[in-house]
PDB file of N, CA and C in Angstrom:
ATOM      1  N   MET A   1      18.399  -2.094   8.119  1.00  0.00           N
ATOM      2  CA  MET A   1      17.196  -1.087   7.592  1.00  0.00           C
ATOM      3  C   MET A   1      16.098  -1.668   7.935  1.00  0.00           C
ATOM      4  N   GLU A   2      14.919  -1.089   8.312  1.00  0.00           N
ATOM      5  CA  GLU A   2      13.843  -1.282   9.003  1.00  0.00           C
ATOM      6  C   GLU A   2      13.045  -0.972   7.579  1.00  0.00           C
ATOM      7  N   LEU A   3      11.882  -2.017   7.556  1.00  0.00           N
ATOM      8  CA  LEU A   3      11.006  -2.270   6.590  1.00  0.00           C
ATOM      9  C   LEU A   3       9.692  -1.148   7.001  1.00  0.00           C
ATOM     10  N   VAL A   4       9.995   0.102   6.187  1.00  0.00           N
ATOM     11  CA  VAL A   4       8.711   1.265   6.701  1.00  0.00           C
ATOM     12  C   VAL A   4       7.871   1.261   5.420  1.00  0.00           C
ATOM     13  N   LEU A   5       6.617   1.082   5.410  1.00  0.00           N
ATOM     14  CA  LEU A   5       5.582   0.270   4.636  1.00  0.00           C
ATOM     15  C   LEU A   5       4.832   2.445   3.923  1.00  0.00           C
ATOM     16  N   GLU A   6       4.843   2.023   2.650  1.00  0.00           N
ATOM     17  CA  GLU A   6       4.578   3.248   2.278  1.00  0.00           C
ATOM     18  C   GLU A   6       3.119   2.916   1.363  1.00  0.00           C
ATOM     19  N   GLU A   7       1.995   4.344   0.789  1.00  0.00           N
ATOM     20  CA  GLU A   7       1.481   4.406   0.180  1.00  0.00           C
ATOM     21  C   GLU A   7       1.167   5.193  -0.711  1.00  0.00           C
ATOM     22  N   SER A   8       1.224   4.715  -2.209  1.00  0.00           N
ATOM     23  CA  SER A   8       0.956   5.369  -3.334  1.00  0.00           C
ATOM     24  C   SER A   8      -0.438   5.517  -3.852  1.00  0.00           C
ATOM     25  N   TYR A   9      -0.964   6.608  -3.956  1.00  0.00           N
ATOM     26  CA  TYR A   9      -2.544   6.649  -4.410  1.00  0.00           C
ATOM     27  C   TYR A   9      -2.604   6.918  -5.909  1.00  0.00           C
ATOM     28  N   ALA A  10      -3.817   6.469  -6.436  1.00  0.00           N
ATOM     29  CA  ALA A  10      -3.669   6.502  -8.099  1.00  0.00           C
ATOM     30  C   ALA A  10      -4.010   7.858  -8.223  1.00  0.00           C
ATOM     31  N   MET A  11      -3.164   8.355  -9.717  1.00  0.00           N
ATOM     32  CA  MET A  11      -3.435   9.271 -10.026  1.00  0.00           C
ATOM     33  C   MET A  11      -4.550  10.155 -10.881  1.00  0.00           C
ATOM     34  N   ASP A  12      -5.425   8.786 -10.848  1.00  0.00           N
ATOM     35  CA  ASP A  12      -6.662   8.958 -11.727  1.00  0.00           C
ATOM     36  C   ASP A  12      -7.760   9.121 -10.770  1.00  0.00           C
ATOM     37  N   ASP A  13      -7.445   9.348  -9.492  1.00  0.00           N
ATOM     38  CA  ASP A  13      -8.706   9.751  -8.585  1.00  0.00           C
ATOM     39  C   ASP A  13      -9.174   8.306  -8.667  1.00  0.00           C
ATOM     40  N   SER A  14      -9.086   7.399  -8.563  1.00  0.00           N
ATOM     41  CA  SER A  14      -9.797   6.261  -8.164  1.00  0.00           C
ATOM     42  C   SER A  14     -10.101   5.642  -7.412  1.00  0.00           C
ATOM     43  N   CYS A  15      -9.304   6.206  -6.312  1.00  0.00           N
ATOM     44  CA  CYS A  15      -9.636   5.817  -4.946  1.00  0.00           C
ATOM     45  C   CYS A  15      -9.197   4.815  -4.264  1.00  0.00           C
ATOM     46  N   GLN A  16      -7.889   4.671  -5.156  1.00  0.00           N
ATOM     47  CA  GLN A  16      -6.644   3.475  -5.243  1.00  0.00           C
ATOM     48  C   GLN A  16      -5.764   3.437  -4.399  1.00  0.00           C
ATOM     49  N   LEU A  17      -5.169   2.725  -3.556  1.00  0.00           N
ATOM     50  CA  LEU A  17      -3.618   2.640  -3.018  1.00  0.00           C
ATOM     51  C   LEU A  17      -2.479   1.634  -3.489  1.00  0.00           C
ATOM     52  N   GLN A  18      -1.322   1.777  -3.617  1.00  0.00           N
ATOM     53  CA  GLN A  18      -0.479   0.672  -3.684  1.00  0.00           C
ATOM     54  C   GLN A  18       0.429   0.951  -2.322  1.00  0.00           C
ATOM     55  N   TYR A  19       0.922  -0.279  -1.762  1.00  0.00           N
ATOM     56  CA  TYR A  19       1.982  -0.376  -0.929  1.00  0.00           C
ATOM     57  C   TYR A  19       3.208  -0.651  -1.674  1.00  0.00           C
ATOM     58  N   TRP A  20       4.177   0.075  -1.070  1.00  0.00           N
ATOM     59  CA  TRP A  20       5.924  -0.139  -1.153  1.00  0.00           C
ATOM     60  C   TRP A  20       6.475  -0.097  -0.235  1.00  0.00           C
ATOM     61  N   ALA A  21       7.804  -0.105  -0.025  1.00  0.00           N
ATOM     62  CA  ALA A  21       8.663  -0.022   0.681  1.00  0.00           C
ATOM     63  C   ALA A  21       9.994   0.112   0.462  1.00  0.00           C
ATOM     64  N   CYS A  22      11.115   1.342   0.457  1.00  0.00           N
ATOM     65  CA  CYS A  22      12.089   1.509   0.501  1.00  0.00           C
ATOM     66  C   CYS A  22      12.698   0.422   0.350  1.00  0.00           C
ATOM     67  N   GLY A  23      14.237  -0.084  -0.471  1.00  0.00           N
ATOM     68  CA  GLY A  23      14.868  -1.651  -0.533  1.00  0.00           C
ATOM     69  C   GLY A  23      14.085  -2.412  -0.691  1.00  0.00           C
ATOM     70  N   HIS A  24      15.244  -3.678  -1.263  1.00  0.00           N
ATOM     71  CA  HIS A  24      14.574  -4.704  -1.766  1.00  0.00           C
ATOM     72  C   HIS A  24      14.213  -5.873  -0.897  1.00  0.00           C
ATOM     73  N   TRP A  25      12.917  -6.257  -0.110  1.00  0.00           N
ATOM     74  CA  TRP A  25      12.891  -7.203   0.758  1.00  0.00           C
ATOM     75  C   TRP A  25      12.174  -8.240   0.007  1.00  0.00           C
ATOM     76  N   THR A  26      12.364  -9.610   0.831  1.00  0.00           N
ATOM     77  CA  THR A  26      11.584 -10.672   0.869  1.00  0.00           C
ATOM     78  C   THR A  26      10.343 -10.541   0.640  1.00  0.00           C
ATOM     79  N   TRP A  27       9.334 -11.687   0.148  1.00  0.00           N
ATOM     80  CA  TRP A  27       8.096 -11.536  -0.362  1.00  0.00           C
ATOM     81  C   TRP A  27       7.877 -11.666   0.941  1.00  0.00           C
ATOM     82  N   GLY A  28       7.942 -12.881   1.929  1.00  0.00           N
ATOM     83  CA  GLY A  28       7.550 -12.981   3.585  1.00  0.00           C
ATOM     84  C   GLY A  28       7.575 -11.606   4.112  1.00  0.00           C
ATOM     85  N   GLU A  29       8.977 -11.058   4.216  1.00  0.00           N
ATOM     86  CA  GLU A  29       9.005  -9.717   5.055  1.00  0.00           C
ATOM     87  C   GLU A  29       7.763  -8.757   4.516  1.00  0.00           C
ATOM     88  N   PHE A  30       7.683  -8.673   3.323  1.00  0.00           N
ATOM     89  CA  PHE A  30       6.690  -7.333   2.723  1.00  0.00           C
ATOM     90  C   PHE A  30       5.036  -7.843   2.819  1.00  0.00           C
ATOM     91  N   VAL A  31       5.126  -9.111   2.870  1.00  0.00           N
ATOM     92  CA  VAL A  31       3.869  -9.258   2.606  1.00  0.00           C
ATOM     93  C   VAL A  31       2.833  -9.312   4.104  1.00  0.00           C
ATOM     94  N   THR A  32       4.188  -9.864   4.921  1.00  0.00           N
ATOM     95  CA  THR A  32       3.656 -10.020   6.211  1.00  0.00           C
ATOM     96  C   THR A  32       2.949  -8.354   6.973  1.00  0.00           C
ATOM     97  N   ALA A  33       4.554  -7.278   6.480  1.00  0.00           N
ATOM     98  CA  ALA A  33       4.507  -6.220   6.615  1.00  0.00           C
ATOM     99  C   ALA A  33       2.798  -5.421   6.094  1.00  0.00           C
ATOM    100  N   VAL A  34       2.367  -5.530   5.198  1.00  0.00           N
ATOM    101  CA  VAL A  34       1.358  -5.263   4.346  1.00  0.00           C
ATOM    102  C   VAL A  34      -0.102  -5.778   5.256  1.00  0.00           C
ATOM    103  N   GLN A  35      -0.243  -7.137   5.659  1.00  0.00           N
ATOM    104  CA  GLN A  35      -1.071  -7.386   6.556  1.00  0.00           C
ATOM    105  C   GLN A  35      -1.190  -7.203   7.852  1.00  0.00           C
ATOM    106  N   GLU A  36      -0.064  -6.884   8.263  1.00  0.00           N
ATOM    107  CA  GLU A  36      -0.302  -6.175   9.688  1.00  0.00           C
ATOM    108  C   GLU A  36      -0.886  -4.528   9.607  1.00  0.00           C
ATOM    109  N   ARG A  37      -0.496  -4.267   8.480  1.00  0.00           N
ATOM    110  CA  ARG A  37      -0.662  -2.470   7.918  1.00  0.00           C
ATOM    111  C   ARG A  37      -2.162  -2.690   7.742  1.00  0.00           C
ATOM    112  N   VAL A  38      -2.558  -3.312   7.160  1.00  0.00           N
ATOM    113  CA  VAL A  38      -3.888  -3.835   6.539  1.00  0.00           C
ATOM    114  C   VAL A  38      -4.950  -4.099   8.225  1.00  0.00           C
ATOM    115  N   SER A  39      -4.535  -5.256   9.045  1.00  0.00           N
ATOM    116  CA  SER A  39      -5.357  -5.432  10.092  1.00  0.00           C
ATOM    117  C   SER A  39      -5.234  -3.770  10.896  1.00  0.00           C
ATOM    118  N   ARG A  40      -3.972  -3.180  11.016  1.00  0.00           N
ATOM    119  CA  ARG A  40      -3.926  -1.865  12.122  1.00  0.00           C
ATOM    120  C   ARG A  40      -5.042  -1.452  11.663  1.00  0.00           C
ATOM    121  N   GLU A  41      -4.965  -1.195  10.446  1.00  0.00           N
ATOM    122  CA  GLU A  41      -6.439   0.069  10.115  1.00  0.00           C
ATOM    123  C   GLU A  41      -7.712  -0.440   9.448  1.00  0.00           C
ATOM    124  N   GLU A  42      -7.687  -1.626   9.715  1.00  0.00           N
ATOM    125  CA  GLU A  42      -8.918  -2.309   9.800  1.00  0.00           C
ATOM    126  C   GLU A  42      -9.483  -2.072   8.703  1.00  0.00           C
ATOM    127  N   ARG A  43      -8.470  -2.395   7.279  1.00  0.00           N
ATOM    128  CA  ARG A  43      -9.288  -2.358   6.093  1.00  0.00           C
ATOM    129  C   ARG A  43      -9.955  -3.508   5.943  1.00  0.00           C
ATOM    130  N   ASP A  44     -10.961  -3.661   5.058  1.00  0.00           N
ATOM    131  CA  ASP A  44     -11.929  -5.002   4.597  1.00  0.00           C
ATOM    132  C   ASP A  44     -11.025  -5.307   3.270  1.00  0.00           C
ATOM    133  N   ILE A  45      -9.703  -5.674   3.295  1.00  0.00           N
ATOM    134  CA  ILE A  45      -9.002  -6.577   2.308  1.00  0.00           C
ATOM    135  C   ILE A  45      -8.825  -7.850   3.106  1.00  0.00           C
ATOM    136  N   PRO A  46      -9.526  -9.012   2.273  1.00  0.00           N
ATOM    137  CA  PRO A  46      -9.189 -10.379   2.856  1.00  0.00           C
ATOM    138  C   PRO A  46      -7.219 -10.562   2.340  1.00  0.00           C
ATOM    139  N   ASN A  47      -7.276 -11.683   3.589  1.00  0.00           N
ATOM    140  CA  ASN A  47      -5.928 -12.152   3.337  1.00  0.00           C
ATOM    141  C   ASN A  47      -5.316 -12.488   2.232  1.00  0.00           C
ATOM    142  N   TRP A  48      -6.341 -13.317   1.528  1.00  0.00           N
ATOM    143  CA  TRP A  48      -6.021 -14.094  -0.047  1.00  0.00           C
ATOM    144  C   TRP A  48      -5.612 -13.419  -1.269  1.00  0.00           C
ATOM    145  N   VAL A  49      -6.424 -11.779  -1.006  1.00  0.00           N
ATOM    146  CA  VAL A  49      -6.162 -11.176  -1.747  1.00  0.00           C
ATOM    147  C   VAL A  49      -4.220 -10.485  -1.682  1.00  0.00           C
ATOM    148  N   ILE A  50      -3.862 -10.556  -0.509  1.00  0.00           N
ATOM    149  CA  ILE A  50      -3.144  -9.398  -0.314  1.00  0.00           C
ATOM    150  C   ILE A  50      -1.782 -10.860  -0.671  1.00  0.00           C
ATOM    151  N   VAL A  51      -2.045 -12.006  -0.332  1.00  0.00           N
ATOM    152  CA  VAL A  51      -1.275 -13.263  -0.850  1.00  0.00           C
ATOM    153  C   VAL A  51      -0.621 -13.813  -1.925  1.00  0.00           C
ATOM    154  N   GLN A  52      -2.264 -13.114  -2.660  1.00  0.00           N
ATOM    155  CA  GLN A  52      -1.703 -13.550  -4.340  1.00  0.00           C
ATOM    156  C   GLN A  52      -1.776 -12.152  -4.920  1.00  0.00           C
ATOM    157  N   ALA A  53      -1.189 -11.126  -4.189  1.00  0.00           N
ATOM    158  CA  ALA A  53      -1.266  -9.955  -5.151  1.00  0.00           C
ATOM    159  C   ALA A  53       0.744 -10.019  -5.461  1.00  0.00           C
ATOM    160  N   PRO A  54       0.668  -9.560  -6.857  1.00  0.00           N
ATOM    161  CA  PRO A  54       2.263  -9.954  -7.147  1.00  0.00           C
ATOM    162  C   PRO A  54       3.053  -8.826  -6.124  1.00  0.00           C
ATOM    163  N   VAL A  55       4.617  -9.144  -6.129  1.00  0.00           N
ATOM    164  CA  VAL A  55       5.660  -8.331  -5.740  1.00  0.00           C
ATOM    165  C   VAL A  55       6.177  -8.246  -6.166  1.00  0.00           C
ATOM    166  N   LYS A  56       6.932  -7.133  -6.672  1.00  0.00           N
ATOM    167  CA  LYS A  56       8.208  -6.792  -7.354  1.00  0.00           C
ATOM    168  C   LYS A  56       9.153  -6.041  -6.494  1.00  0.00           C
ATOM    169  N   ARG A  57      10.259  -6.287  -7.203  1.00  0.00           N
ATOM    170  CA  ARG A  57      11.740  -5.521  -6.546  1.00  0.00           C
ATOM    171  C   ARG A  57      11.929  -4.703  -7.927  1.00  0.00           C
ATOM    172  N   VAL A  58      12.183  -3.628  -7.746  1.00  0.00           N
ATOM    173  CA  VAL A  58      12.462  -2.906  -8.765  1.00  0.00           C
ATOM    174  C   VAL A  58      12.914  -1.373  -8.638  1.00  0.00           C
ATOM    175  N   TYR A  59      13.248  -0.346  -9.271  1.00  0.00           N
ATOM    176  CA  TYR A  59      13.755   0.929  -8.899  1.00  0.00           C
ATOM    177  C   TYR A  59      12.819   1.770  -9.299  1.00  0.00           C
ATOM    178  N   GLN A  60      12.570   2.824  -8.449  1.00  0.00           N
ATOM    179  CA  GLN A  60      11.384   3.902  -8.805  1.00  0.00           C
ATOM    180  C   GLN A  60      12.187   4.987  -8.342  1.00  0.00           C
ATOM    181  N   ARG A  61      11.725   5.786  -9.100  1.00  0.00           N
ATOM    182  CA  ARG A  61      12.036   7.305  -9.525  1.00  0.00           C
ATOM    183  C   ARG A  61      10.393   8.329  -9.382  1.00  0.00           C
ATOM    184  N   ALA A  62      10.924   9.806  -8.903  1.00  0.00           N
ATOM    185  CA  ALA A  62       9.487  10.677  -8.704  1.00  0.00           C
ATOM    186  C   ALA A  62       9.817  11.391 -10.075  1.00  0.00           C
ATOM    187  N   VAL A  63       8.637  11.693 -10.657  1.00  0.00           N
ATOM    188  CA  VAL A  63       8.770  12.464 -11.689  1.00  0.00           C
ATOM    189  C   VAL A  63       7.210  13.433 -12.396  1.00  0.00           C
ATOM    190  N   PRO A  64       7.402  14.406 -12.291  1.00  0.00           N
ATOM    191  CA  PRO A  64       6.628  15.744 -12.636  1.00  0.00           C
ATOM    192  C   PRO A  64       5.687  14.860 -13.188  1.00  0.00           C
ATOM    193  N   CYS A  65       4.336  15.370 -12.823  1.00  0.00           N
ATOM    194  CA  CYS A  65       2.880  14.903 -13.408  1.00  0.00           C
ATOM    195  C   CYS A  65       1.961  15.991 -13.501  1.00  0.00           C
ATOM    196  N   ARG A  66       1.790  16.544 -14.615  1.00  0.00           N
ATOM    197  CA  ARG A  66       0.946  18.162 -14.705  1.00  0.00           C
ATOM    198  C   ARG A  66      -0.052  17.581 -15.419  1.00  0.00           C
ATOM    199  N   ASP A  67      -0.530  16.235 -15.641  1.00  0.00           N
ATOM    200  CA  ASP A  67      -2.272  16.088 -16.270  1.00  0.00           C
ATOM    201  C   ASP A  67      -2.872  15.426 -15.263  1.00  0.00           C
ATOM    202  N   SER A  68      -2.518  15.430 -13.796  1.00  0.00           N
ATOM    203  CA  SER A  68      -3.268  14.849 -12.515  1.00  0.00           C
ATOM    204  C   SER A  68      -4.327  15.805 -12.197  1.00  0.00           C
ATOM    205  N   ILE A  69      -5.407  15.250 -11.450  1.00  0.00           N
ATOM    206  CA  ILE A  69      -5.906  16.280 -10.827  1.00  0.00           C
ATOM    207  C   ILE A  69      -5.635  16.118  -9.172  1.00  0.00           C
ATOM    208  N   VAL A  70      -4.726  14.975  -9.054  1.00  0.00           N
ATOM    209  CA  VAL A  70      -5.083  14.589  -7.801  1.00  0.00           C
ATOM    210  C   VAL A  70      -3.084  14.758  -7.214  1.00  0.00           C
ATOM    211  N   GLY A  71      -2.579  15.252  -8.270  1.00  0.00           N
ATOM    212  CA  GLY A  71      -0.983  14.909  -7.229  1.00  0.00           C
ATOM    213  C   GLY A  71      -0.238  15.873  -8.404  1.00  0.00           C
ATOM    214  N   ASP A  72       0.912  16.441  -7.847  1.00  0.00           N
ATOM    215  CA  ASP A  72       2.113  17.033  -8.724  1.00  0.00           C
ATOM    216  C   ASP A  72       2.938  15.804  -9.031  1.00  0.00           C
ATOM    217  N   THR A  73       3.234  14.729  -8.765  1.00  0.00           N
ATOM    218  CA  THR A  73       4.437  14.074  -8.775  1.00  0.00           C
ATOM    219  C   THR A  73       3.851  12.664  -8.998  1.00  0.00           C
ATOM    220  N   ARG A  74       4.237  11.537 -10.369  1.00  0.00           N
ATOM    221  CA  ARG A  74       4.137  10.219  -9.870  1.00  0.00           C
ATOM    222  C   ARG A  74       5.604   9.265  -9.738  1.00  0.00           C
ATOM    223  N   PHE A  75       5.789   8.203  -9.352  1.00  0.00           N
ATOM    224  CA  PHE A  75       6.703   7.373  -9.338  1.00  0.00           C
ATOM    225  C   PHE A  75       6.540   6.686 -10.720  1.00  0.00           C
ATOM    226  N   VAL A  76       7.167   6.322 -11.060  1.00  0.00           N
ATOM    227  CA  VAL A  76       7.739   5.406 -12.334  1.00  0.00           C
ATOM    228  C   VAL A  76       8.836   4.226 -11.981  1.00  0.00           C
ATOM    229  N   HIS A  77       8.277   3.168 -12.286  1.00  0.00           N
ATOM    230  CA  HIS A  77       9.244   2.105 -11.737  1.00  0.00           C
ATOM    231  C   HIS A  77       9.877   1.107 -13.033  1.00  0.00           C
ATOM    232  N   SER A  78      11.083   1.008 -12.740  1.00  0.00           N
ATOM    233  CA  SER A  78      11.723   0.173 -13.729  1.00  0.00           C
ATOM    234  C   SER A  78      12.411  -0.883 -13.185  1.00  0.00           C
ATOM    235  N   ASP A  79      12.990  -1.937 -13.950  1.00  0.00           N
ATOM    236  CA  ASP A  79      13.736  -3.034 -13.552  1.00  0.00           C
ATOM    237  C   ASP A  79      15.262  -2.489 -13.416  1.00  0.00           C
ATOM    238  N   LYS A  80      15.623  -1.839 -13.789  1.00  0.00           N
ATOM    239  CA  LYS A  80      17.220  -1.584 -13.569  1.00  0.00           C
ATOM    240  C   LYS A  80      17.074  -0.214 -12.954  1.00  0.00           C
ATOM    241  N   PRO A  81      18.292  -0.010 -12.305  1.00  0.00           N
ATOM    242  CA  PRO A  81      18.651   1.797 -11.781  1.00  0.00           C
ATOM    243  C   PRO A  81      19.024   1.891 -12.680  1.00  0.00           C
ATOM    244  N   GLY A  82      18.563   3.557 -12.296  1.00  0.00           N
ATOM    245  CA  GLY A  82      18.742   4.697 -13.381  1.00  0.00           C
ATOM    246  C   GLY A  82      19.201   6.092 -12.361  1.00  0.00           C
ATOM    247  N   ARG A  83      19.310   7.118 -13.012  1.00  0.00           N
ATOM    248  CA  ARG A  83      19.681   8.515 -12.364  1.00  0.00           C
ATOM    249  C   ARG A  83      18.395   8.399 -11.757  1.00  0.00           C
ATOM    250  N   GLY A  84      18.548   8.743 -10.151  1.00  0.00           N
ATOM    251  CA  GLY A  84      17.835   9.137  -9.466  1.00  0.00           C
ATOM    252  C   GLY A  84      16.559   8.437  -9.086  1.00  0.00           C
ATOM    253  N   ALA A  85      16.958   7.130  -9.167  1.00  0.00           N
ATOM    254  CA  ALA A  85      16.162   5.748  -8.933  1.00  0.00           C
ATOM    255  C   ALA A  85      16.548   5.284  -7.482  1.00  0.00           C
ATOM    256  N   SER A  86      15.620   4.851  -6.658  1.00  0.00           N
ATOM    257  CA  SER A  86      15.930   4.212  -5.490  1.00  0.00           C
ATOM    258  C   SER A  86      15.369   2.580  -5.535  1.00  0.00           C
ATOM    259  N   ALA A  87      16.247   1.767  -5.010  1.00  0.00           N
ATOM    260  CA  ALA A  87      15.510   0.460  -5.159  1.00  0.00           C
ATOM    261  C   ALA A  87      13.754   0.475  -4.267  1.00  0.00           C
ATOM    262  N   VAL A  88      12.535  -0.382  -4.277  1.00  0.00           N
ATOM    263  CA  VAL A  88      11.859  -0.271  -3.538  1.00  0.00           C
ATOM    264  C   VAL A  88      11.143  -1.854  -4.353  1.00  0.00           C
ATOM    265  N   THR A  89      10.001  -1.866  -2.793  1.00  0.00           N
ATOM    266  CA  THR A  89       9.739  -3.420  -3.158  1.00  0.00           C
ATOM    267  C   THR A  89       8.104  -2.847  -3.441  1.00  0.00           C
ATOM    268  N   VAL A  90       7.306  -3.196  -4.459  1.00  0.00           N
ATOM    269  CA  VAL A  90       6.124  -2.783  -4.558  1.00  0.00           C
ATOM    270  C   VAL A  90       4.974  -3.788  -4.924  1.00  0.00           C
ATOM    271  N   MET A  91       3.970  -3.971  -3.789  1.00  0.00           N
ATOM    272  CA  MET A  91       2.742  -4.264  -4.405  1.00  0.00           C
ATOM    273  C   MET A  91       1.958  -4.545  -5.562  1.00  0.00           C
ATOM    274  N   ASP A  92       2.058  -5.110  -6.484  1.00  0.00           N
ATOM    275  CA  ASP A  92       1.882  -4.425  -8.038  1.00  0.00           C
ATOM    276  C   ASP A  92       0.308  -4.872  -7.976  1.00  0.00           C
ATOM    277  N   PHE A  93      -0.384  -4.042  -7.349  1.00  0.00           N
ATOM    278  CA  PHE A  93      -1.924  -4.550  -6.812  1.00  0.00           C
ATOM    279  C   PHE A  93      -2.510  -2.909  -6.683  1.00  0.00           C
ATOM    280  N   TRP A  94      -3.911  -2.678  -7.139  1.00  0.00           N
ATOM    281  CA  TRP A  94      -4.584  -1.338  -6.442  1.00  0.00           C
ATOM    282  C   TRP A  94      -5.382  -1.768  -5.742  1.00  0.00           C
ATOM    283  N   PHE A  95      -5.000  -1.573  -4.420  1.00  0.00           N
ATOM    284  CA  PHE A  95      -6.317  -1.675  -3.071  1.00  0.00           C
ATOM    285  C   PHE A  95      -7.445  -0.579  -3.381  1.00  0.00           C
ATOM    286  N   PRO A  96      -8.699  -0.885  -2.460  1.00  0.00           N
ATOM    287  CA  PRO A  96      -9.304   0.138  -2.340  1.00  0.00           C
ATOM    288  C   PRO A  96      -9.011   1.056  -1.182  1.00  0.00           C
ATOM    289  N   MET A  97      -9.134   2.467  -1.610  1.00  0.00           N
ATOM    290  CA  MET A  97      -9.088   3.115  -0.433  1.00  0.00           C
ATOM    291  C   MET A  97      -9.674   3.403   0.474  1.00  0.00           C
ATOM    292  N   HIS A  98     -11.253   3.337   0.356  1.00  0.00           N
ATOM    293  CA  HIS A  98     -12.305   2.830   1.601  1.00  0.00           C
ATOM    294  C   HIS A  98     -12.837   1.872   1.916  1.00  0.00           C
ATOM    295  N   ALA A  99     -11.636   0.819   2.170  1.00  0.00           N
ATOM    296  CA  ALA A  99     -12.873  -0.456   2.298  1.00  0.00           C
ATOM    297  C   ALA A  99     -11.813  -0.397   3.718  1.00  0.00           C
ATOM    298  N   TYR A 100     -13.242  -0.327   4.671  1.00  0.00           N
ATOM    299  CA  TYR A 100     -13.064  -0.332   5.987  1.00  0.00           C
ATOM    300  C   TYR A 100     -13.975  -1.440   6.824  1.00  0.00           C
ATOM    301  N   LEU A 101     -13.394  -2.294   6.918  1.00  0.00           N
ATOM    302  CA  LEU A 101     -14.215  -3.002   8.247  1.00  0.00           C
ATOM    303  C   LEU A 101     -15.419  -2.597   9.243  1.00  0.00           C
ATOM    304  N   PRO A 102     -16.620  -2.480   9.192  1.00  0.00           N
ATOM    305  CA  PRO A 102     -17.594  -1.802   9.748  1.00  0.00           C
ATOM    306  C   PRO A 102     -17.343  -1.939  11.344  1.00  0.00           C
ATOM    307  N   PRO A 103     -17.626  -0.801  11.883  1.00  0.00           N
ATOM    308  CA  PRO A 103     -17.593  -0.850  13.159  1.00  0.00           C
ATOM    309  C   PRO A 103     -18.189  -1.763  14.078  1.00  0.00           C
ATOM    310  N   LYS A 104     -17.151  -1.656  14.933  1.00  0.00           N
ATOM    311  CA  LYS A 104     -17.665  -3.355  15.912  1.00  0.00           C
ATOM    312  C   LYS A 104     -19.058  -2.942  16.930  1.00  0.00           C
ATOM    313  N   PRO A 105     -19.894  -3.477  16.856  1.00  0.00           N
ATOM    314  CA  PRO A 105     -21.114  -3.619  17.541  1.00  0.00           C
ATOM    315  C   PRO A 105     -20.728  -3.226  19.274  1.00  0.00           C
ATOM    316  N   GLN A 106     -21.511  -2.376  19.504  1.00  0.00           N
ATOM    317  CA  GLN A 106     -21.169  -1.814  20.810  1.00  0.00           C
ATOM    318  C   GLN A 106     -22.087  -2.758  22.068  1.00  0.00           C
ATOM    319  N   SER A 107     -22.485  -2.968  23.082  1.00  0.00           N
ATOM    320  CA  SER A 107     -22.703  -3.806  23.891  1.00  0.00           C
ATOM    321  C   SER A 107     -23.811  -2.671  24.400  1.00  0.00           C
ATOM    322  N   THR A 108     -24.934  -3.110  24.474  1.00  0.00           N
ATOM    323  CA  THR A 108     -25.973  -2.666  24.653  1.00  0.00           C
ATOM    324  C   THR A 108     -27.139  -3.013  25.825  1.00  0.00           C
ATOM    325  N   THR A 109     -26.166  -3.765  26.730  1.00  0.00           N
ATOM    326  CA  THR A 109     -26.595  -4.115  28.027  1.00  0.00           C
ATOM    327  C   THR A 109     -26.543  -3.394  28.615  1.00  0.00           C
ATOM    328  N   LYS A 110     -27.552  -3.015  30.098  1.00  0.00           N
ATOM    329  CA  LYS A 110     -26.970  -1.669  31.172  1.00  0.00           C
ATOM    330  C   LYS A 110     -26.901  -2.521  32.235  1.00  0.00           C
ATOM    331  N   GLU A 111     -25.643  -1.880  33.168  1.00  0.00           N
ATOM    332  CA  GLU A 111     -25.238  -2.646  34.036  1.00  0.00           C
ATOM    333  C   GLU A 111     -26.386  -2.080  35.267  1.00  0.00           C
ATOM    334  N   ARG A 112     -26.606  -3.364  36.128  1.00  0.00           N
ATOM    335  CA  ARG A 112     -27.528  -3.151  37.419  1.00  0.00           C
ATOM    336  C   ARG A 112     -26.726  -2.581  38.313  1.00  0.00           C
ATOM    337  N   THR A 113     -27.382  -1.487  39.566  1.00  0.00           N
ATOM    338  CA  THR A 113     -26.800  -0.726  40.538  1.00  0.00           C
ATOM    339  C   THR A 113     -27.428  -0.978  41.385  1.00  0.00           C
TER     340      THR A 113
END
């Protein structure tokens, strides 16, 4: 099984996201995947925040959510497996959704012709 990182969005419209993956992964495998994703997407999230965020191996199931303005399903976590629940690894920390690095400056020198 390959570690495929997913994102959950906060149901309270706070513009936050949480990283998770199907299956129970080691701390190192999961944190490395988060670091690579943050770097690839050029998010402005310091590495020290990622390595200090708690990682949990839990069971997750989707349940209807009728009181949210941003979605109709939410994920519920449990320490024990249950009906309809799947094993997941979750970074138990909410990251800012719109934290991107500033654009890289472009060279302003003109070439000589």
